[in-house]
Amino acid sequence: MSKKNKNVEETGVINAPLNNAELNGDNNANLPAAQPKKGKGAKKNEDKVGFGTRVKNFFKGIVSELKKVSWPTAGKVFAQFGTVCFVVLIFVLIIMGFDSLCAWLLELLVGTAA
């Protein structure tokens, strides 16, 4: 039996990460303490943050995120505004043309039926 296989059999662990781990059998030493159960008999958590503090932190988070936003320059905004207006104008003309065509066809259809 090779030394590698012997170590695996001794510890009973295969493919376990061994970074900063101890193999002395005291595996619960690094685990967090058990959380108390919540219910009728549970005590209030003394570390709980109040409602006002949570609201204040929420708005602080909003402000910090808005500071991270890459805002466009005024020139870029006006250029995009011009592009949007041009595209809207093109679609208005297309819809007006289609509406006029439908109105003409309806007039032709109603005019011949009467």
PDB file of N, CA and C in Angstrom:
ATOM      1  N   MET A   1       0.830  -1.160   0.000  1.00  0.00           N
ATOM      2  CA  MET A   1       0.000   0.000   0.000  1.00  0.00           C
ATOM      3  C   MET A   1       0.890   1.243   0.000  1.00  0.00           C
ATOM      4  N   SER A   2       0.533   2.219  -0.870  1.00  0.00           N
ATOM      5  CA  SER A   2       1.360   3.413  -0.956  1.00  0.00           C
ATOM      6  C   SER A   2       1.036   4.362   0.192  1.00  0.00           C
ATOM      7  N   LYS A   3       1.923   5.319   0.395  1.00  0.00           N
ATOM      8  CA  LYS A   3       1.751   6.275   1.482  1.00  0.00           C
ATOM      9  C   LYS A   3       0.500   7.132   1.265  1.00  0.00           C
ATOM     10  N   LYS A   4       0.220   7.498   0.006  1.00  0.00           N
ATOM     11  CA  LYS A   4      -0.940   8.325  -0.306  1.00  0.00           C
ATOM     12  C   LYS A   4      -2.228   7.599   0.069  1.00  0.00           C
ATOM     13  N   ASN A   5      -2.388   6.350  -0.316  1.00  0.00           N
ATOM     14  CA  ASN A   5      -3.591   5.594  -0.002  1.00  0.00           C
ATOM     15  C   ASN A   5      -3.729   5.373   1.492  1.00  0.00           C
ATOM     16  N   LYS A   6      -2.623   5.173   2.181  1.00  0.00           N
ATOM     17  CA  LYS A   6      -2.656   4.952   3.618  1.00  0.00           C
ATOM     18  C   LYS A   6      -3.201   6.189   4.334  1.00  0.00           C
ATOM     19  N   ASN A   7      -2.786   7.403   3.919  1.00  0.00           N
ATOM     20  CA  ASN A   7      -3.269   8.627   4.542  1.00  0.00           C
ATOM     21  C   ASN A   7      -4.767   8.812   4.313  1.00  0.00           C
ATOM     22  N   VAL A   8      -5.241   8.456   3.138  1.00  0.00           N
ATOM     23  CA  VAL A   8      -6.657   8.599   2.839  1.00  0.00           C
ATOM     24  C   VAL A   8      -7.464   7.652   3.709  1.00  0.00           C
ATOM     25  N   GLU A   9      -7.009   6.431   3.871  1.00  0.00           N
ATOM     26  CA  GLU A   9      -7.743   5.463   4.684  1.00  0.00           C
ATOM     27  C   GLU A   9      -7.714   5.843   6.151  1.00  0.00           C
ATOM     28  N   GLU A  10      -6.624   6.410   6.619  1.00  0.00           N
ATOM     29  CA  GLU A  10      -6.532   6.790   8.025  1.00  0.00           C
ATOM     30  C   GLU A  10      -7.501   7.908   8.371  1.00  0.00           C
ATOM     31  N   THR A  11      -7.616   8.873   7.512  1.00  0.00           N
ATOM     32  CA  THR A  11      -8.493  10.011   7.812  1.00  0.00           C
ATOM     33  C   THR A  11      -9.932   9.724   7.438  1.00  0.00           C
ATOM     34  N   GLY A  12     -10.149   8.815   6.495  1.00  0.00           N
ATOM     35  CA  GLY A  12     -11.502   8.517   6.050  1.00  0.00           C
ATOM     36  C   GLY A  12     -12.073   9.604   5.158  1.00  0.00           C
ATOM     37  N   VAL A  13     -11.217  10.445   4.628  1.00  0.00           N
ATOM     38  CA  VAL A  13     -11.674  11.553   3.796  1.00  0.00           C
ATOM     39  C   VAL A  13     -11.023  11.437   2.433  1.00  0.00           C
ATOM     40  N   ILE A  14     -11.849  11.516   1.408  1.00  0.00           N
ATOM     41  CA  ILE A  14     -11.343  11.488   0.041  1.00  0.00           C
ATOM     42  C   ILE A  14     -11.800  12.774  -0.634  1.00  0.00           C
ATOM     43  N   ASN A  15     -10.929  13.431  -1.343  1.00  0.00           N
ATOM     44  CA  ASN A  15     -11.225  14.658  -2.084  1.00  0.00           C
ATOM     45  C   ASN A  15     -11.713  15.799  -1.188  1.00  0.00           C
ATOM     46  N   ALA A  16     -11.338  15.805   0.053  1.00  0.00           N
ATOM     47  CA  ALA A  16     -11.736  16.895   0.939  1.00  0.00           C
ATOM     48  C   ALA A  16     -10.716  18.018   0.845  1.00  0.00           C
ATOM     49  N   PRO A  17     -11.170  19.275   0.848  1.00  0.00           N
ATOM     50  CA  PRO A  17     -10.218  20.380   0.831  1.00  0.00           C
ATOM     51  C   PRO A  17      -9.490  20.435   2.165  1.00  0.00           C
ATOM     52  N   LEU A  18      -8.179  20.542   2.100  1.00  0.00           N
ATOM     53  CA  LEU A  18      -7.380  20.513   3.311  1.00  0.00           C
ATOM     54  C   LEU A  18      -6.699  21.838   3.592  1.00  0.00           C
ATOM     55  N   ASN A  19      -7.196  22.914   3.024  1.00  0.00           N
ATOM     56  CA  ASN A  19      -6.601  24.214   3.281  1.00  0.00           C
ATOM     57  C   ASN A  19      -6.896  24.622   4.717  1.00  0.00           C
ATOM     58  N   ASN A  20      -5.877  24.793   5.505  1.00  0.00           N
ATOM     59  CA  ASN A  20      -5.985  25.239   6.892  1.00  0.00           C
ATOM     60  C   ASN A  20      -6.908  24.355   7.724  1.00  0.00           C
ATOM     61  N   ALA A  21      -7.001  23.092   7.390  1.00  0.00           N
ATOM     62  CA  ALA A  21      -7.878  22.186   8.117  1.00  0.00           C
ATOM     63  C   ALA A  21      -7.060  21.311   9.042  1.00  0.00           C
ATOM     64  N   GLU A  22      -7.665  20.969  10.151  1.00  0.00           N
ATOM     65  CA  GLU A  22      -7.019  20.049  11.084  1.00  0.00           C
ATOM     66  C   GLU A  22      -7.699  18.698  10.966  1.00  0.00           C
ATOM     67  N   LEU A  23      -6.930  17.656  11.044  1.00  0.00           N
ATOM     68  CA  LEU A  23      -7.469  16.316  10.912  1.00  0.00           C
ATOM     69  C   LEU A  23      -7.463  15.599  12.257  1.00  0.00           C
ATOM     70  N   ASN A  24      -7.753  16.317  13.325  1.00  0.00           N
ATOM     71  CA  ASN A  24      -7.701  15.714  14.644  1.00  0.00           C
ATOM     72  C   ASN A  24      -9.060  15.217  15.118  1.00  0.00           C
ATOM     73  N   GLY A  25     -10.088  15.306  14.275  1.00  0.00           N
ATOM     74  CA  GLY A  25     -11.404  14.822  14.650  1.00  0.00           C
ATOM     75  C   GLY A  25     -12.263  15.881  15.304  1.00  0.00           C
ATOM     76  N   ASP A  26     -11.698  17.031  15.624  1.00  0.00           N
ATOM     77  CA  ASP A  26     -12.471  18.106  16.233  1.00  0.00           C
ATOM     78  C   ASP A  26     -12.988  19.012  15.113  1.00  0.00           C
ATOM     79  N   ASN A  27     -13.917  18.510  14.329  1.00  0.00           N
ATOM     80  CA  ASN A  27     -14.398  19.228  13.154  1.00  0.00           C
ATOM     81  C   ASN A  27     -15.380  20.335  13.508  1.00  0.00           C
ATOM     82  N   ASN A  28     -15.920  20.337  14.704  1.00  0.00           N
ATOM     83  CA  ASN A  28     -16.906  21.347  15.070  1.00  0.00           C
ATOM     84  C   ASN A  28     -16.270  22.608  15.647  1.00  0.00           C
ATOM     85  N   ALA A  29     -14.951  22.641  15.764  1.00  0.00           N
ATOM     86  CA  ALA A  29     -14.286  23.779  16.381  1.00  0.00           C
ATOM     87  C   ALA A  29     -14.446  25.046  15.544  1.00  0.00           C
ATOM     88  N   ASN A  30     -14.474  24.933  14.222  1.00  0.00           N
ATOM     89  CA  ASN A  30     -14.530  26.111  13.363  1.00  0.00           C
ATOM     90  C   ASN A  30     -15.945  26.459  12.930  1.00  0.00           C
ATOM     91  N   LEU A  31     -16.952  25.699  13.380  1.00  0.00           N
ATOM     92  CA  LEU A  31     -18.325  25.969  12.984  1.00  0.00           C
ATOM     93  C   LEU A  31     -18.915  27.045  13.869  1.00  0.00           C
ATOM     94  N   PRO A  32     -19.824  27.867  13.319  1.00  0.00           N
ATOM     95  CA  PRO A  32     -20.457  28.887  14.144  1.00  0.00           C
ATOM     96  C   PRO A  32     -21.386  28.244  15.166  1.00  0.00           C
ATOM     97  N   ALA A  33     -21.648  28.981  16.230  1.00  0.00           N
ATOM     98  CA  ALA A  33     -22.521  28.467  17.273  1.00  0.00           C
ATOM     99  C   ALA A  33     -23.932  28.316  16.729  1.00  0.00           C
ATOM    100  N   ALA A  34     -24.672  27.396  17.297  1.00  0.00           N
ATOM    101  CA  ALA A  34     -26.039  27.148  16.850  1.00  0.00           C
ATOM    102  C   ALA A  34     -26.892  28.382  17.094  1.00  0.00           C
ATOM    103  N   GLN A  35     -27.740  28.714  16.125  1.00  0.00           N
ATOM    104  CA  GLN A  35     -28.615  29.862  16.235  1.00  0.00           C
ATOM    105  C   GLN A  35     -29.791  29.507  17.143  1.00  0.00           C
ATOM    106  N   PRO A  36     -30.214  30.433  17.987  1.00  0.00           N
ATOM    107  CA  PRO A  36     -31.365  30.141  18.840  1.00  0.00           C
ATOM    108  C   PRO A  36     -32.626  30.044  17.994  1.00  0.00           C
ATOM    109  N   LYS A  37     -33.535  29.204  18.417  1.00  0.00           N
ATOM    110  CA  LYS A  37     -34.785  29.028  17.684  1.00  0.00           C
ATOM    111  C   LYS A  37     -35.672  30.237  17.886  1.00  0.00           C
ATOM    112  N   LYS A  38     -36.400  30.572  16.813  1.00  0.00           N
ATOM    113  CA  LYS A  38     -37.322  31.685  16.894  1.00  0.00           C
ATOM    114  C   LYS A  38     -38.705  31.131  17.212  1.00  0.00           C
ATOM    115  N   GLY A  39     -39.421  31.830  17.993  1.00  0.00           N
ATOM    116  CA  GLY A  39     -40.759  31.393  18.358  1.00  0.00           C
ATOM    117  C   GLY A  39     -41.278  32.219  19.507  1.00  0.00           C
ATOM    118  N   LYS A  40     -42.298  31.699  20.187  1.00  0.00           N
ATOM    119  CA  LYS A  40     -42.915  32.434  21.281  1.00  0.00           C
ATOM    120  C   LYS A  40     -41.951  32.650  22.438  1.00  0.00           C
ATOM    121  N   GLY A  41     -41.134  31.660  22.738  1.00  0.00           N
ATOM    122  CA  GLY A  41     -40.252  31.747  23.883  1.00  0.00           C
ATOM    123  C   GLY A  41     -38.908  32.370  23.586  1.00  0.00           C
ATOM    124  N   ALA A  42     -38.671  32.763  22.347  1.00  0.00           N
ATOM    125  CA  ALA A  42     -37.365  33.295  21.978  1.00  0.00           C
ATOM    126  C   ALA A  42     -37.221  34.731  22.480  1.00  0.00           C
ATOM    127  N   LYS A  43     -36.027  35.092  22.927  1.00  0.00           N
ATOM    128  CA  LYS A  43     -35.741  36.453  23.362  1.00  0.00           C
ATOM    129  C   LYS A  43     -35.540  37.342  22.156  1.00  0.00           C
ATOM    130  N   LYS A  44     -35.797  38.634  22.331  1.00  0.00           N
ATOM    131  CA  LYS A  44     -35.556  39.577  21.243  1.00  0.00           C
ATOM    132  C   LYS A  44     -34.060  39.693  21.012  1.00  0.00           C
ATOM    133  N   ASN A  45     -33.698  39.791  19.758  1.00  0.00           N
ATOM    134  CA  ASN A  45     -32.294  39.927  19.401  1.00  0.00           C
ATOM    135  C   ASN A  45     -31.842  41.347  19.742  1.00  0.00           C
ATOM    136  N   GLU A  46     -30.860  41.467  20.600  1.00  0.00           N
ATOM    137  CA  GLU A  46     -30.392  42.767  21.040  1.00  0.00           C
ATOM    138  C   GLU A  46     -29.608  43.490  19.949  1.00  0.00           C
ATOM    139  N   ASP A  47     -29.119  42.765  18.936  1.00  0.00           N
ATOM    140  CA  ASP A  47     -28.356  43.377  17.852  1.00  0.00           C
ATOM    141  C   ASP A  47     -29.256  43.822  16.711  1.00  0.00           C
ATOM    142  N   LYS A  48     -30.566  43.675  16.835  1.00  0.00           N
ATOM    143  CA  LYS A  48     -31.486  44.012  15.761  1.00  0.00           C
ATOM    144  C   LYS A  48     -31.481  45.521  15.521  1.00  0.00           C
ATOM    145  N   VAL A  49     -31.433  45.894  14.255  1.00  0.00           N
ATOM    146  CA  VAL A  49     -31.380  47.304  13.870  1.00  0.00           C
ATOM    147  C   VAL A  49     -32.804  47.822  13.787  1.00  0.00           C
ATOM    148  N   GLY A  50     -33.032  49.033  14.272  1.00  0.00           N
ATOM    149  CA  GLY A  50     -34.354  49.638  14.284  1.00  0.00           C
ATOM    150  C   GLY A  50     -34.826  50.029  12.892  1.00  0.00           C
ATOM    151  N   PHE A  51     -36.135  50.309  12.794  1.00  0.00           N
ATOM    152  CA  PHE A  51     -36.745  50.647  11.515  1.00  0.00           C
ATOM    153  C   PHE A  51     -36.147  51.922  10.921  1.00  0.00           C
ATOM    154  N   GLY A  52     -35.969  52.944  11.748  1.00  0.00           N
ATOM    155  CA  GLY A  52     -35.412  54.209  11.262  1.00  0.00           C
ATOM    156  C   GLY A  52     -34.002  54.049  10.724  1.00  0.00           C
ATOM    157  N   THR A  53     -33.209  53.228  11.393  1.00  0.00           N
ATOM    158  CA  THR A  53     -31.832  52.986  10.936  1.00  0.00           C
ATOM    159  C   THR A  53     -31.832  52.248   9.610  1.00  0.00           C
ATOM    160  N   ARG A  54     -32.754  51.281   9.466  1.00  0.00           N
ATOM    161  CA  ARG A  54     -32.821  50.545   8.198  1.00  0.00           C
ATOM    162  C   ARG A  54     -33.231  51.456   7.054  1.00  0.00           C
ATOM    163  N   VAL A  55     -34.185  52.360   7.297  1.00  0.00           N
ATOM    164  CA  VAL A  55     -34.616  53.305   6.258  1.00  0.00           C
ATOM    165  C   VAL A  55     -33.468  54.231   5.892  1.00  0.00           C
ATOM    166  N   LYS A  56     -32.753  54.730   6.908  1.00  0.00           N
ATOM    167  CA  LYS A  56     -31.615  55.616   6.662  1.00  0.00           C
ATOM    168  C   LYS A  56     -30.539  54.904   5.851  1.00  0.00           C
ATOM    169  N   ASN A  57     -30.250  53.650   6.194  1.00  0.00           N
ATOM    170  CA  ASN A  57     -29.253  52.876   5.438  1.00  0.00           C
ATOM    171  C   ASN A  57     -29.711  52.613   4.014  1.00  0.00           C
ATOM    172  N   PHE A  58     -31.032  52.411   3.832  1.00  0.00           N
ATOM    173  CA  PHE A  58     -31.569  52.195   2.489  1.00  0.00           C
ATOM    174  C   PHE A  58     -31.300  53.403   1.599  1.00  0.00           C
ATOM    175  N   PHE A  59     -31.602  54.605   2.114  1.00  0.00           N
ATOM    176  CA  PHE A  59     -31.391  55.809   1.307  1.00  0.00           C
ATOM    177  C   PHE A  59     -29.914  56.128   1.129  1.00  0.00           C
ATOM    178  N   LYS A  60     -29.083  55.794   2.108  1.00  0.00           N
ATOM    179  CA  LYS A  60     -27.641  55.957   1.930  1.00  0.00           C
ATOM    180  C   LYS A  60     -27.147  55.056   0.804  1.00  0.00           C
ATOM    181  N   GLY A  61     -27.696  53.846   0.725  1.00  0.00           N
ATOM    182  CA  GLY A  61     -27.334  52.921  -0.351  1.00  0.00           C
ATOM    183  C   GLY A  61     -27.743  53.459  -1.709  1.00  0.00           C
ATOM    184  N   ILE A  62     -28.924  54.081  -1.769  1.00  0.00           N
ATOM    185  CA  ILE A  62     -29.386  54.663  -3.034  1.00  0.00           C
ATOM    186  C   ILE A  62     -28.431  55.765  -3.480  1.00  0.00           C
ATOM    187  N   VAL A  63     -28.073  56.644  -2.561  1.00  0.00           N
ATOM    188  CA  VAL A  63     -27.179  57.758  -2.900  1.00  0.00           C
ATOM    189  C   VAL A  63     -25.821  57.234  -3.349  1.00  0.00           C
ATOM    190  N   SER A  64     -25.303  56.213  -2.667  1.00  0.00           N
ATOM    191  CA  SER A  64     -23.986  55.694  -3.056  1.00  0.00           C
ATOM    192  C   SER A  64     -24.037  55.027  -4.422  1.00  0.00           C
ATOM    193  N   GLU A  65     -25.163  54.356  -4.747  1.00  0.00           N
ATOM    194  CA  GLU A  65     -25.280  53.746  -6.073  1.00  0.00           C
ATOM    195  C   GLU A  65     -25.413  54.807  -7.161  1.00  0.00           C
ATOM    196  N   LEU A  66     -26.135  55.897  -6.870  1.00  0.00           N
ATOM    197  CA  LEU A  66     -26.275  56.965  -7.862  1.00  0.00           C
ATOM    198  C   LEU A  66     -24.949  57.662  -8.127  1.00  0.00           C
ATOM    199  N   LYS A  67     -24.059  57.680  -7.148  1.00  0.00           N
ATOM    200  CA  LYS A  67     -22.737  58.265  -7.360  1.00  0.00           C
ATOM    201  C   LYS A  67     -21.892  57.405  -8.295  1.00  0.00           C
ATOM    202  N   LYS A  68     -22.195  56.113  -8.373  1.00  0.00           N
ATOM    203  CA  LYS A  68     -21.437  55.197  -9.224  1.00  0.00           C
ATOM    204  C   LYS A  68     -21.908  55.218 -10.676  1.00  0.00           C
ATOM    205  N   VAL A  69     -23.069  55.837 -10.931  1.00  0.00           N
ATOM    206  CA  VAL A  69     -23.649  55.848 -12.276  1.00  0.00           C
ATOM    207  C   VAL A  69     -22.813  56.722 -13.195  1.00  0.00           C
ATOM    208  N   SER A  70     -22.629  56.261 -14.423  1.00  0.00           N
ATOM    209  CA  SER A  70     -21.925  57.045 -15.429  1.00  0.00           C
ATOM    210  C   SER A  70     -22.951  57.898 -16.176  1.00  0.00           C
ATOM    211  N   TRP A  71     -23.063  59.153 -15.810  1.00  0.00           N
ATOM    212  CA  TRP A  71     -24.069  60.034 -16.391  1.00  0.00           C
ATOM    213  C   TRP A  71     -23.583  60.559 -17.745  1.00  0.00           C
ATOM    214  N   PRO A  72     -24.483  60.642 -18.751  1.00  0.00           N
ATOM    215  CA  PRO A  72     -24.083  61.151 -20.072  1.00  0.00           C
ATOM    216  C   PRO A  72     -23.893  62.669 -20.042  1.00  0.00           C
ATOM    217  N   THR A  73     -23.131  63.155 -20.996  1.00  0.00           N
ATOM    218  CA  THR A  73     -22.918  64.596 -21.107  1.00  0.00           C
ATOM    219  C   THR A  73     -24.152  65.242 -21.739  1.00  0.00           C
ATOM    220  N   ALA A  74     -24.248  66.565 -21.616  1.00  0.00           N
ATOM    221  CA  ALA A  74     -25.394  67.288 -22.172  1.00  0.00           C
ATOM    222  C   ALA A  74     -25.441  67.149 -23.689  1.00  0.00           C
ATOM    223  N   GLY A  75     -24.284  67.183 -24.333  1.00  0.00           N
ATOM    224  CA  GLY A  75     -24.247  67.042 -25.788  1.00  0.00           C
ATOM    225  C   GLY A  75     -24.763  65.689 -26.248  1.00  0.00           C
ATOM    226  N   LYS A  76     -24.401  64.649 -25.510  1.00  0.00           N
ATOM    227  CA  LYS A  76     -24.858  63.306 -25.866  1.00  0.00           C
ATOM    228  C   LYS A  76     -26.373  63.181 -25.665  1.00  0.00           C
ATOM    229  N   VAL A  77     -26.885  63.803 -24.600  1.00  0.00           N
ATOM    230  CA  VAL A  77     -28.329  63.760 -24.334  1.00  0.00           C
ATOM    231  C   VAL A  77     -29.084  64.456 -25.457  1.00  0.00           C
ATOM    232  N   PHE A  78     -28.618  65.629 -25.889  1.00  0.00           N
ATOM    233  CA  PHE A  78     -29.298  66.350 -26.961  1.00  0.00           C
ATOM    234  C   PHE A  78     -29.207  65.601 -28.282  1.00  0.00           C
ATOM    235  N   ALA A  79     -28.098  64.939 -28.549  1.00  0.00           N
ATOM    236  CA  ALA A  79     -27.968  64.165 -29.781  1.00  0.00           C
ATOM    237  C   ALA A  79     -28.943  62.993 -29.778  1.00  0.00           C
ATOM    238  N   GLN A  80     -29.061  62.310 -28.644  1.00  0.00           N
ATOM    239  CA  GLN A  80     -29.999  61.196 -28.561  1.00  0.00           C
ATOM    240  C   GLN A  80     -31.443  61.693 -28.630  1.00  0.00           C
ATOM    241  N   PHE A  81     -31.717  62.856 -28.045  1.00  0.00           N
ATOM    242  CA  PHE A  81     -33.045  63.440 -28.119  1.00  0.00           C
ATOM    243  C   PHE A  81     -33.415  63.744 -29.574  1.00  0.00           C
ATOM    244  N   GLY A  82     -32.477  64.295 -30.331  1.00  0.00           N
ATOM    245  CA  GLY A  82     -32.721  64.571 -31.744  1.00  0.00           C
ATOM    246  C   GLY A  82     -32.987  63.294 -32.527  1.00  0.00           C
ATOM    247  N   THR A  83     -32.242  62.233 -32.223  1.00  0.00           N
ATOM    248  CA  THR A  83     -32.448  60.954 -32.904  1.00  0.00           C
ATOM    249  C   THR A  83     -33.827  60.399 -32.594  1.00  0.00           C
ATOM    250  N   VAL A  84     -34.247  60.474 -31.347  1.00  0.00           N
ATOM    251  CA  VAL A  84     -35.567  59.978 -30.954  1.00  0.00           C
ATOM    252  C   VAL A  84     -36.659  60.770 -31.656  1.00  0.00           C
ATOM    253  N   CYS A  85     -36.529  62.084 -31.695  1.00  0.00           N
ATOM    254  CA  CYS A  85     -37.530  62.906 -32.382  1.00  0.00           C
ATOM    255  C   CYS A  85     -37.611  62.568 -33.861  1.00  0.00           C
ATOM    256  N   PHE A  86     -36.481  62.352 -34.513  1.00  0.00           N
ATOM    257  CA  PHE A  86     -36.458  62.000 -35.928  1.00  0.00           C
ATOM    258  C   PHE A  86     -37.161  60.660 -36.174  1.00  0.00           C
ATOM    259  N   VAL A  87     -36.884  59.671 -35.352  1.00  0.00           N
ATOM    260  CA  VAL A  87     -37.503  58.348 -35.518  1.00  0.00           C
ATOM    261  C   VAL A  87     -39.006  58.428 -35.269  1.00  0.00           C
ATOM    262  N   VAL A  88     -39.414  59.197 -34.271  1.00  0.00           N
ATOM    263  CA  VAL A  88     -40.848  59.359 -34.001  1.00  0.00           C
ATOM    264  C   VAL A  88     -41.522  60.039 -35.181  1.00  0.00           C
ATOM    265  N   LEU A  89     -40.899  61.044 -35.761  1.00  0.00           N
ATOM    266  CA  LEU A  89     -41.462  61.733 -36.921  1.00  0.00           C
ATOM    267  C   LEU A  89     -41.626  60.777 -38.103  1.00  0.00           C
ATOM    268  N   ILE A  90     -40.646  59.944 -38.341  1.00  0.00           N
ATOM    269  CA  ILE A  90     -40.731  58.955 -39.433  1.00  0.00           C
ATOM    270  C   ILE A  90     -41.916  58.019 -39.206  1.00  0.00           C
ATOM    271  N   PHE A  91     -42.083  57.517 -37.969  1.00  0.00           N
ATOM    272  CA  PHE A  91     -43.194  56.606 -37.698  1.00  0.00           C
ATOM    273  C   PHE A  91     -44.543  57.316 -37.777  1.00  0.00           C
ATOM    274  N   VAL A  92     -44.603  58.597 -37.387  1.00  0.00           N
ATOM    275  CA  VAL A  92     -45.849  59.365 -37.526  1.00  0.00           C
ATOM    276  C   VAL A  92     -46.227  59.465 -38.993  1.00  0.00           C
ATOM    277  N   LEU A  93     -45.261  59.739 -39.858  1.00  0.00           N
ATOM    278  CA  LEU A  93     -45.549  59.831 -41.286  1.00  0.00           C
ATOM    279  C   LEU A  93     -46.008  58.491 -41.856  1.00  0.00           C
ATOM    280  N   ILE A  94     -45.390  57.408 -41.432  1.00  0.00           N
ATOM    281  CA  ILE A  94     -45.785  56.077 -41.913  1.00  0.00           C
ATOM    282  C   ILE A  94     -47.216  55.756 -41.466  1.00  0.00           C
ATOM    283  N   ILE A  95     -47.531  56.022 -40.200  1.00  0.00           N
ATOM    284  CA  ILE A  95     -48.871  55.716 -39.696  1.00  0.00           C
ATOM    285  C   ILE A  95     -49.910  56.623 -40.344  1.00  0.00           C
ATOM    286  N   MET A  96     -49.565  57.915 -40.572  1.00  0.00           N
ATOM    287  CA  MET A  96     -50.499  58.810 -41.258  1.00  0.00           C
ATOM    288  C   MET A  96     -50.777  58.334 -42.679  1.00  0.00           C
ATOM    289  N   GLY A  97     -49.731  57.879 -43.365  1.00  0.00           N
ATOM    290  CA  GLY A  97     -49.916  57.357 -44.715  1.00  0.00           C
ATOM    291  C   GLY A  97     -50.799  56.118 -44.725  1.00  0.00           C
ATOM    292  N   PHE A  98     -50.585  55.203 -43.785  1.00  0.00           N
ATOM    293  CA  PHE A  98     -51.391  53.997 -43.707  1.00  0.00           C
ATOM    294  C   PHE A  98     -52.840  54.353 -43.362  1.00  0.00           C
ATOM    295  N   ASP A  99     -53.033  55.321 -42.461  1.00  0.00           N
ATOM    296  CA  ASP A  99     -54.378  55.748 -42.086  1.00  0.00           C
ATOM    297  C   ASP A  99     -55.087  56.393 -43.276  1.00  0.00           C
ATOM    298  N   SER A 100     -54.377  57.222 -44.023  1.00  0.00           N
ATOM    299  CA  SER A 100     -54.979  57.857 -45.205  1.00  0.00           C
ATOM    300  C   SER A 100     -55.357  56.816 -46.246  1.00  0.00           C
ATOM    301  N   LEU A 101     -54.506  55.810 -46.436  1.00  0.00           N
ATOM    302  CA  LEU A 101     -54.801  54.733 -47.379  1.00  0.00           C
ATOM    303  C   LEU A 101     -56.046  53.961 -46.955  1.00  0.00           C
ATOM    304  N   CYS A 102     -56.151  53.656 -45.681  1.00  0.00           N
ATOM    305  CA  CYS A 102     -57.331  52.925 -45.185  1.00  0.00           C
ATOM    306  C   CYS A 102     -58.584  53.785 -45.324  1.00  0.00           C
ATOM    307  N   ALA A 103     -58.472  55.082 -45.025  1.00  0.00           N
ATOM    308  CA  ALA A 103     -59.626  55.969 -45.164  1.00  0.00           C
ATOM    309  C   ALA A 103     -60.064  56.058 -46.626  1.00  0.00           C
ATOM    310  N   TRP A 104     -59.114  56.160 -47.548  1.00  0.00           N
ATOM    311  CA  TRP A 104     -59.430  56.231 -48.977  1.00  0.00           C
ATOM    312  C   TRP A 104     -60.117  54.940 -49.440  1.00  0.00           C
ATOM    313  N   LEU A 105     -59.579  53.762 -48.989  1.00  0.00           N
ATOM    314  CA  LEU A 105     -60.188  52.483 -49.366  1.00  0.00           C
ATOM    315  C   LEU A 105     -61.597  52.346 -48.782  1.00  0.00           C
ATOM    316  N   LEU A 106     -61.809  52.798 -47.555  1.00  0.00           N
ATOM    317  CA  LEU A 106     -63.126  52.731 -46.941  1.00  0.00           C
ATOM    318  C   LEU A 106     -64.090  53.655 -47.680  1.00  0.00           C
ATOM    319  N   GLU A 107     -63.632  54.853 -48.036  1.00  0.00           N
ATOM    320  CA  GLU A 107     -64.483  55.793 -48.809  1.00  0.00           C
ATOM    321  C   GLU A 107     -64.843  55.184 -50.162  1.00  0.00           C
ATOM    322  N   LEU A 108     -63.893  54.532 -50.783  1.00  0.00           N
ATOM    323  CA  LEU A 108     -64.134  53.892 -52.076  1.00  0.00           C
ATOM    324  C   LEU A 108     -65.138  52.747 -51.914  1.00  0.00           C
ATOM    325  N   LEU A 109     -64.998  51.977 -50.855  1.00  0.00           N
ATOM    326  CA  LEU A 109     -65.882  50.830 -50.612  1.00  0.00           C
ATOM    327  C   LEU A 109     -67.296  51.288 -50.251  1.00  0.00           C
ATOM    328  N   VAL A 110     -67.418  52.289 -49.392  1.00  0.00           N
ATOM    329  CA  VAL A 110     -68.729  52.782 -48.965  1.00  0.00           C
ATOM    330  C   VAL A 110     -69.382  53.573 -50.092  1.00  0.00           C
ATOM    331  N   GLY A 111     -68.581  54.312 -50.850  1.00  0.00           N
ATOM    332  CA  GLY A 111     -69.125  55.111 -51.944  1.00  0.00           C
ATOM    333  C   GLY A 111     -69.717  54.259 -53.046  1.00  0.00           C
ATOM    334  N   THR A 112     -69.169  53.100 -53.354  1.00  0.00           N
ATOM    335  CA  THR A 112     -69.684  52.223 -54.401  1.00  0.00           C
ATOM    336  C   THR A 112     -70.867  51.409 -53.908  1.00  0.00           C
ATOM    337  N   ALA A 113     -70.977  51.160 -52.622  1.00  0.00           N
ATOM    338  CA  ALA A 113     -72.056  50.343 -52.092  1.00  0.00           C
ATOM    339  C   ALA A 113     -73.334  51.148 -52.012  1.00  0.00           C
ATOM    340  N   ALA A 114     -73.265  52.473 -51.882  1.00  0.00           N
ATOM    341  CA  ALA A 114     -74.462  53.271 -51.707  1.00  0.00           C
ATOM    342  C   ALA A 114     -75.130  53.632 -52.984  1.00  0.00           C
TER     343      ALA A 114
END
